[in-house]
C-alpha atoms as a PDB file:
ATOM      1  CA  MET A   1     137.824  63.539  99.049  1.00  0.00           C
ATOM      2  CA  ARG A   2     136.507  61.180 101.779  1.00  0.00           C
ATOM      3  CA  ALA A   3     135.961  63.118 104.840  1.00  0.00           C
ATOM      4  CA  LEU A   4     137.775  60.841 108.116  1.00  0.00           C
ATOM      5  CA  SER A   5     136.538  58.937 110.151  1.00  0.00           C
ATOM      6  CA  ARG A   6     136.402  59.823 114.093  1.00  0.00           C
ATOM      7  CA  GLY A   7     138.674  56.894 114.882  1.00  0.00           C
ATOM      8  CA  ALA A   8     141.164  58.227 112.067  1.00  0.00           C
ATOM      9  CA  ARG A   9     141.142  62.291 113.543  1.00  0.00           C
ATOM     10  CA  LEU A  10     141.823  60.707 116.774  1.00  0.00           C
ATOM     11  CA  LEU A  11     144.696  58.384 115.576  1.00  0.00           C
ATOM     12  CA  PRO A  12     147.347  61.722 116.030  1.00  0.00           C
ATOM     13  CA  LEU A  13     145.915  62.440 119.180  1.00  0.00           C
ATOM     14  CA  ILE A  14     146.455  58.865 120.463  1.00  0.00           C
ATOM     15  CA  VAL A  15     149.633  58.658 119.510  1.00  0.00           C
ATOM     16  CA  LEU A  16     150.914  61.920 120.978  1.00  0.00           C
ATOM     17  CA  LEU A  17     149.157  61.133 124.205  1.00  0.00           C
ATOM     18  CA  ALA A  18     151.077  57.751 124.043  1.00  0.00           C
ATOM     19  CA  TRP A  19     154.030  59.155 123.337  1.00  0.00           C
ATOM     20  CA  VAL A  20     153.965  61.805 125.948  1.00  0.00           C
ATOM     21  CA  THR A  21     153.167  59.664 128.556  1.00  0.00           C
ATOM     22  CA  GLY A  22     155.506  56.679 128.204  1.00  0.00           C
ATOM     23  CA  ILE A  23     153.077  53.803 126.664  1.00  0.00           C
ATOM     24  CA  ALA A  24     154.253  53.763 123.134  1.00  0.00           C
ATOM     25  CA  GLY A  25     158.346  53.069 124.879  1.00  0.00           C
ATOM     26  CA  ALA A  26     159.516  56.775 123.716  1.00  0.00           C
ATOM     27  CA  GLN A  27     162.851  57.362 125.397  1.00  0.00           C
ATOM     28  CA  PRO A  28     163.247  61.333 127.098  1.00  0.00           C
ATOM     29  CA  ALA A  29     164.884  63.853 125.040  1.00  0.00           C
ATOM     30  CA  THR A  30     168.526  64.190 126.944  1.00  0.00           C
ATOM     31  CA  LEU A  31     171.946  66.327 126.416  1.00  0.00           C
ATOM     32  CA  GLU A  32     174.650  65.923 127.947  1.00  0.00           C
ATOM     33  CA  GLY A  33     177.311  68.852 129.271  1.00  0.00           C
ATOM     34  CA  THR A  34     179.345  69.969 132.087  1.00  0.00           C
ATOM     35  CA  VAL A  35     178.119  72.253 134.843  1.00  0.00           C
ATOM     36  CA  VAL A  36     180.259  75.661 134.739  1.00  0.00           C
ATOM     37  CA  ARG A  37     177.956  77.528 137.108  1.00  0.00           C
ATOM     38  CA  ILE A  38     175.851  77.398 140.177  1.00  0.00           C
ATOM     39  CA  VAL A  39     173.511  80.055 140.227  1.00  0.00           C
ATOM     40  CA  ASP A  40     172.038  78.698 143.745  1.00  0.00           C
ATOM     41  CA  GLY A  41     169.815  75.251 145.203  1.00  0.00           C
ATOM     42  CA  ASP A  42     167.951  74.722 142.031  1.00  0.00           C
ATOM     43  CA  THR A  43     169.620  76.261 139.294  1.00  0.00           C
ATOM     44  CA  ILE A  44     173.061  76.022 137.124  1.00  0.00           C
ATOM     45  CA  HIS A  45     174.731  76.778 133.897  1.00  0.00           C
ATOM     46  CA  VAL A  46     175.458  73.811 131.929  1.00  0.00           C
ATOM     47  CA  ARG A  47     178.098  73.957 128.907  1.00  0.00           C
ATOM     48  CA  LEU A  48     176.551  71.908 126.091  1.00  0.00           C
ATOM     49  CA  SER A  49     178.629  71.282 123.115  1.00  0.00           C
ATOM     50  CA  ASP A  50     178.163  74.840 121.193  1.00  0.00           C
ATOM     51  CA  ARG A  51     176.513  76.793 124.073  1.00  0.00           C
ATOM     52  CA  VAL A  52     176.238  77.565 127.884  1.00  0.00           C
ATOM     53  CA  GLU A  53     172.496  76.794 129.046  1.00  0.00           C
ATOM     54  CA  LYS A  54     170.860  78.091 132.225  1.00  0.00           C
ATOM     55  CA  VAL A  55     169.056  74.893 133.544  1.00  0.00           C
ATOM     56  CA  ARG A  56     166.434  75.266 136.392  1.00  0.00           C
ATOM     57  CA  TYR A  57     165.765  71.608 137.669  1.00  0.00           C
ATOM     58  CA  ILE A  58     162.551  69.819 136.947  1.00  0.00           C
ATOM     59  CA  GLY A  59     160.246  69.804 140.062  1.00  0.00           C
ATOM     60  CA  VAL A  60     161.770  70.843 143.208  1.00  0.00           C
ATOM     61  CA  ASN A  61     162.069  74.325 144.698  1.00  0.00           C
ATOM     62  CA  THR A  62     164.855  75.623 147.099  1.00  0.00           C
ATOM     63  CA  PRO A  63     164.743  78.947 149.134  1.00  0.00           C
ATOM     64  CA  GLU A  64     166.079  81.974 146.949  1.00  0.00           C
ATOM     65  CA  VAL A  65     169.885  83.353 147.301  1.00  0.00           C
ATOM     66  CA  HIS A  66     169.570  86.184 144.868  1.00  0.00           C
ATOM     67  CA  HIS A  67     165.658  86.781 144.749  1.00  0.00           C
ATOM     68  CA  PRO A  68     165.070  90.370 143.612  1.00  0.00           C
ATOM     69  CA  ARG A  69     162.177  91.064 145.833  1.00  0.00           C
ATOM     70  CA  LYS A  70     162.198  88.301 148.418  1.00  0.00           C
ATOM     71  CA  GLY A  71     166.154  88.832 148.975  1.00  0.00           C
ATOM     72  CA  GLU A  72     167.826  85.913 150.365  1.00  0.00           C
ATOM     73  CA  GLU A  73     165.687  83.510 152.209  1.00  0.00           C
ATOM     74  CA  PRO A  74     166.832  80.848 154.956  1.00  0.00           C
ATOM     75  CA  GLY A  75     168.084  78.252 153.779  1.00  0.00           C
ATOM     76  CA  GLY A  76     169.109  79.595 150.585  1.00  0.00           C
ATOM     77  CA  ARG A  77     173.098  78.957 151.155  1.00  0.00           C
ATOM     78  CA  GLU A  78     172.995  75.623 152.254  1.00  0.00           C
ATOM     79  CA  ALA A  79     170.779  74.243 149.747  1.00  0.00           C
ATOM     80  CA  ALA A  80     173.512  76.426 146.920  1.00  0.00           C
ATOM     81  CA  GLU A  81     176.564  74.567 148.616  1.00  0.00           C
ATOM     82  CA  VAL A  82     174.704  71.250 148.418  1.00  0.00           C
ATOM     83  CA  ASN A  83     173.649  71.661 145.167  1.00  0.00           C
ATOM     84  CA  ARG A  84     177.517  72.712 144.431  1.00  0.00           C
ATOM     85  CA  GLU A  85     179.076  69.821 146.193  1.00  0.00           C
ATOM     86  CA  LEU A  86     176.855  67.408 143.955  1.00  0.00           C
ATOM     87  CA  VAL A  87     177.500  68.721 140.445  1.00  0.00           C
ATOM     88  CA  GLU A  88     180.126  71.798 140.101  1.00  0.00           C
ATOM     89  CA  ASN A  89     182.674  70.841 137.423  1.00  0.00           C
ATOM     90  CA  LYS A  90     180.950  67.544 136.513  1.00  0.00           C
ATOM     91  CA  HIS A  91     179.255  66.086 133.450  1.00  0.00           C
ATOM     92  CA  VAL A  92     175.616  65.629 133.526  1.00  0.00           C
ATOM     93  CA  ARG A  93     173.173  64.667 131.313  1.00  0.00           C
ATOM     94  CA  LEU A  94     169.876  66.614 131.543  1.00  0.00           C
ATOM     95  CA  GLU A  95     166.524  64.844 130.878  1.00  0.00           C
ATOM     96  CA  LEU A  96     163.935  66.783 129.796  1.00  0.00           C
ATOM     97  CA  ASP A  97     160.093  66.122 129.563  1.00  0.00           C
ATOM     98  CA  VAL A  98     157.231  67.593 127.954  1.00  0.00           C
ATOM     99  CA  GLN A  99     158.109  71.547 128.187  1.00  0.00           C
ATOM    100  CA  SER A 100     161.971  72.203 127.475  1.00  0.00           C
ATOM    101  CA  ARG A 101     161.686  75.848 128.788  1.00  0.00           C
ATOM    102  CA  ASP A 102     160.252  78.009 131.169  1.00  0.00           C
ATOM    103  CA  ARG A 103     158.844  81.596 130.853  1.00  0.00           C
ATOM    104  CA  TYR A 104     162.012  83.234 131.490  1.00  0.00           C
ATOM    105  CA  GLY A 105     163.886  80.680 128.894  1.00  0.00           C
ATOM    106  CA  ARG A 106     165.387  78.327 131.253  1.00  0.00           C
ATOM    107  CA  LEU A 107     166.004  74.902 130.164  1.00  0.00           C
ATOM    108  CA  LEU A 108     164.335  72.953 132.151  1.00  0.00           C
ATOM    109  CA  ALA A 109     165.933  69.541 133.355  1.00  0.00           C
ATOM    110  CA  TYR A 110     165.725  66.362 135.407  1.00  0.00           C
ATOM    111  CA  VAL A 111     169.838  66.701 135.639  1.00  0.00           C
ATOM    112  CA  TRP A 112     171.676  63.291 136.590  1.00  0.00           C
ATOM    113  CA  ILE A 113     175.109  62.325 137.169  1.00  0.00           C
ATOM    114  CA  GLY A 114     175.252  58.466 136.537  1.00  0.00           C
ATOM    115  CA  GLU A 115     172.673  56.661 138.178  1.00  0.00           C
ATOM    116  CA  THR A 116     171.699  59.608 140.205  1.00  0.00           C
ATOM    117  CA  MET A 117     168.881  62.477 139.626  1.00  0.00           C
ATOM    118  CA  ILE A 118     170.308  65.361 141.260  1.00  0.00           C
ATOM    119  CA  ASN A 119     166.650  66.824 141.775  1.00  0.00           C
ATOM    120  CA  ALA A 120     165.871  64.075 143.717  1.00  0.00           C
ATOM    121  CA  GLU A 121     168.616  63.943 145.448  1.00  0.00           C
ATOM    122  CA  LEU A 122     168.046  67.606 146.705  1.00  0.00           C
ATOM    123  CA  VAL A 123     164.485  66.465 147.972  1.00  0.00           C
ATOM    124  CA  ARG A 124     165.968  63.572 149.464  1.00  0.00           C
ATOM    125  CA  LEU A 125     168.711  65.611 151.338  1.00  0.00           C
ATOM    126  CA  GLY A 126     166.218  67.858 152.734  1.00  0.00           C
ATOM    127  CA  TYR A 127     167.198  70.891 150.953  1.00  0.00           C
ATOM    128  CA  ALA A 128     164.574  71.278 148.306  1.00  0.00           C
ATOM    129  CA  GLN A 129     160.842  71.111 148.386  1.00  0.00           C
ATOM    130  CA  VAL A 130     158.305  69.222 145.938  1.00  0.00           C
ATOM    131  CA  MET A 131     157.284  71.971 142.962  1.00  0.00           C
ATOM    132  CA  THR A 132     154.963  70.270 140.574  1.00  0.00           C
ATOM    133  CA  VAL A 133     154.525  72.590 137.558  1.00  0.00           C
ATOM    134  CA  PRO A 134     152.516  70.402 134.760  1.00  0.00           C
ATOM    135  CA  PRO A 135     152.965  69.332 132.264  1.00  0.00           C
ATOM    136  CA  ASN A 136     156.443  68.182 133.748  1.00  0.00           C
ATOM    137  CA  VAL A 137     155.233  65.368 136.439  1.00  0.00           C
ATOM    138  CA  ARG A 138     157.083  62.358 135.075  1.00  0.00           C
ATOM    139  CA  TYR A 139     158.972  62.017 138.691  1.00  0.00           C
ATOM    140  CA  GLN A 140     156.375  64.044 140.855  1.00  0.00           C
ATOM    141  CA  SER A 141     155.444  60.741 142.799  1.00  0.00           C
ATOM    142  CA  LEU A 142     159.087  59.314 143.717  1.00  0.00           C
ATOM    143  CA  PHE A 143     160.275  63.415 144.929  1.00  0.00           C
ATOM    144  CA  LEU A 144     156.472  63.601 147.206  1.00  0.00           C
ATOM    145  CA  LYS A 145     158.075  59.977 148.776  1.00  0.00           C
ATOM    146  CA  LEU A 146     161.529  61.794 149.348  1.00  0.00           C
ATOM    147  CA  GLN A 147     160.011  64.797 150.974  1.00  0.00           C
ATOM    148  CA  HIS A 148     157.911  63.374 153.033  1.00  0.00           C
ATOM    149  CA  ASP A 149     160.763  60.546 154.485  1.00  0.00           C
ATOM    150  CA  ALA A 150     163.016  63.665 154.481  1.00  0.00           C
ATOM    151  CA  ARG A 151     160.693  65.642 156.452  1.00  0.00           C
ATOM    152  CA  GLU A 152     159.917  62.934 158.849  1.00  0.00           C
ATOM    153  CA  SER A 153     163.131  62.170 159.595  1.00  0.00           C
ATOM    154  CA  GLY A 154     164.276  65.837 159.778  1.00  0.00           C
ATOM    155  CA  ARG A 155     167.043  65.963 156.949  1.00  0.00           C
ATOM    156  CA  GLY A 156     168.899  68.816 155.739  1.00  0.00           C
ATOM    157  CA  LEU A 157     166.517  72.560 156.073  1.00  0.00           C
ATOM    158  CA  TRP A 158     163.300  70.426 157.342  1.00  0.00           C
ATOM    159  CA  LYS A 159     165.645  70.244 160.728  1.00  0.00           C
ATOM    160  CA  ARG A 160     164.348  74.134 161.188  1.00  0.00           C
ATOM    161  CA  VAL A 161     160.454  72.961 161.234  1.00  0.00           C
END
């Protein structure tokens, strides 16, 4: 058998990189369901067709409400309430990124209601901060811009600073 040329060996890697970075035009994987519980400002439970998944918003972090070591952080209840107002009992579309689960088994997603991405909306309103965890970086630049604007405008929890 003939050995593959270097170019032929790299082709699968190039195709994979094109898919991951969106060059190949691949659409991100999505799921649809209904929010059945709000855990806090950045975590919800979503009923998918056959199961309920704990979903952690990608790219953002909100103050804790029930942390086992930190306890309740300032702003945690406010962020959870804003999240509740945005998504409680709503039909959502979950857009996955490169890594679909975190080390705790939670589904990682950009959460959409219609044309509104809830992750971004929480940052825009000032109730979430950007928390980039590679490889899930699809909307990092958008989140950073929204955070800058919220902070400069003193929106949400930025009023406290």
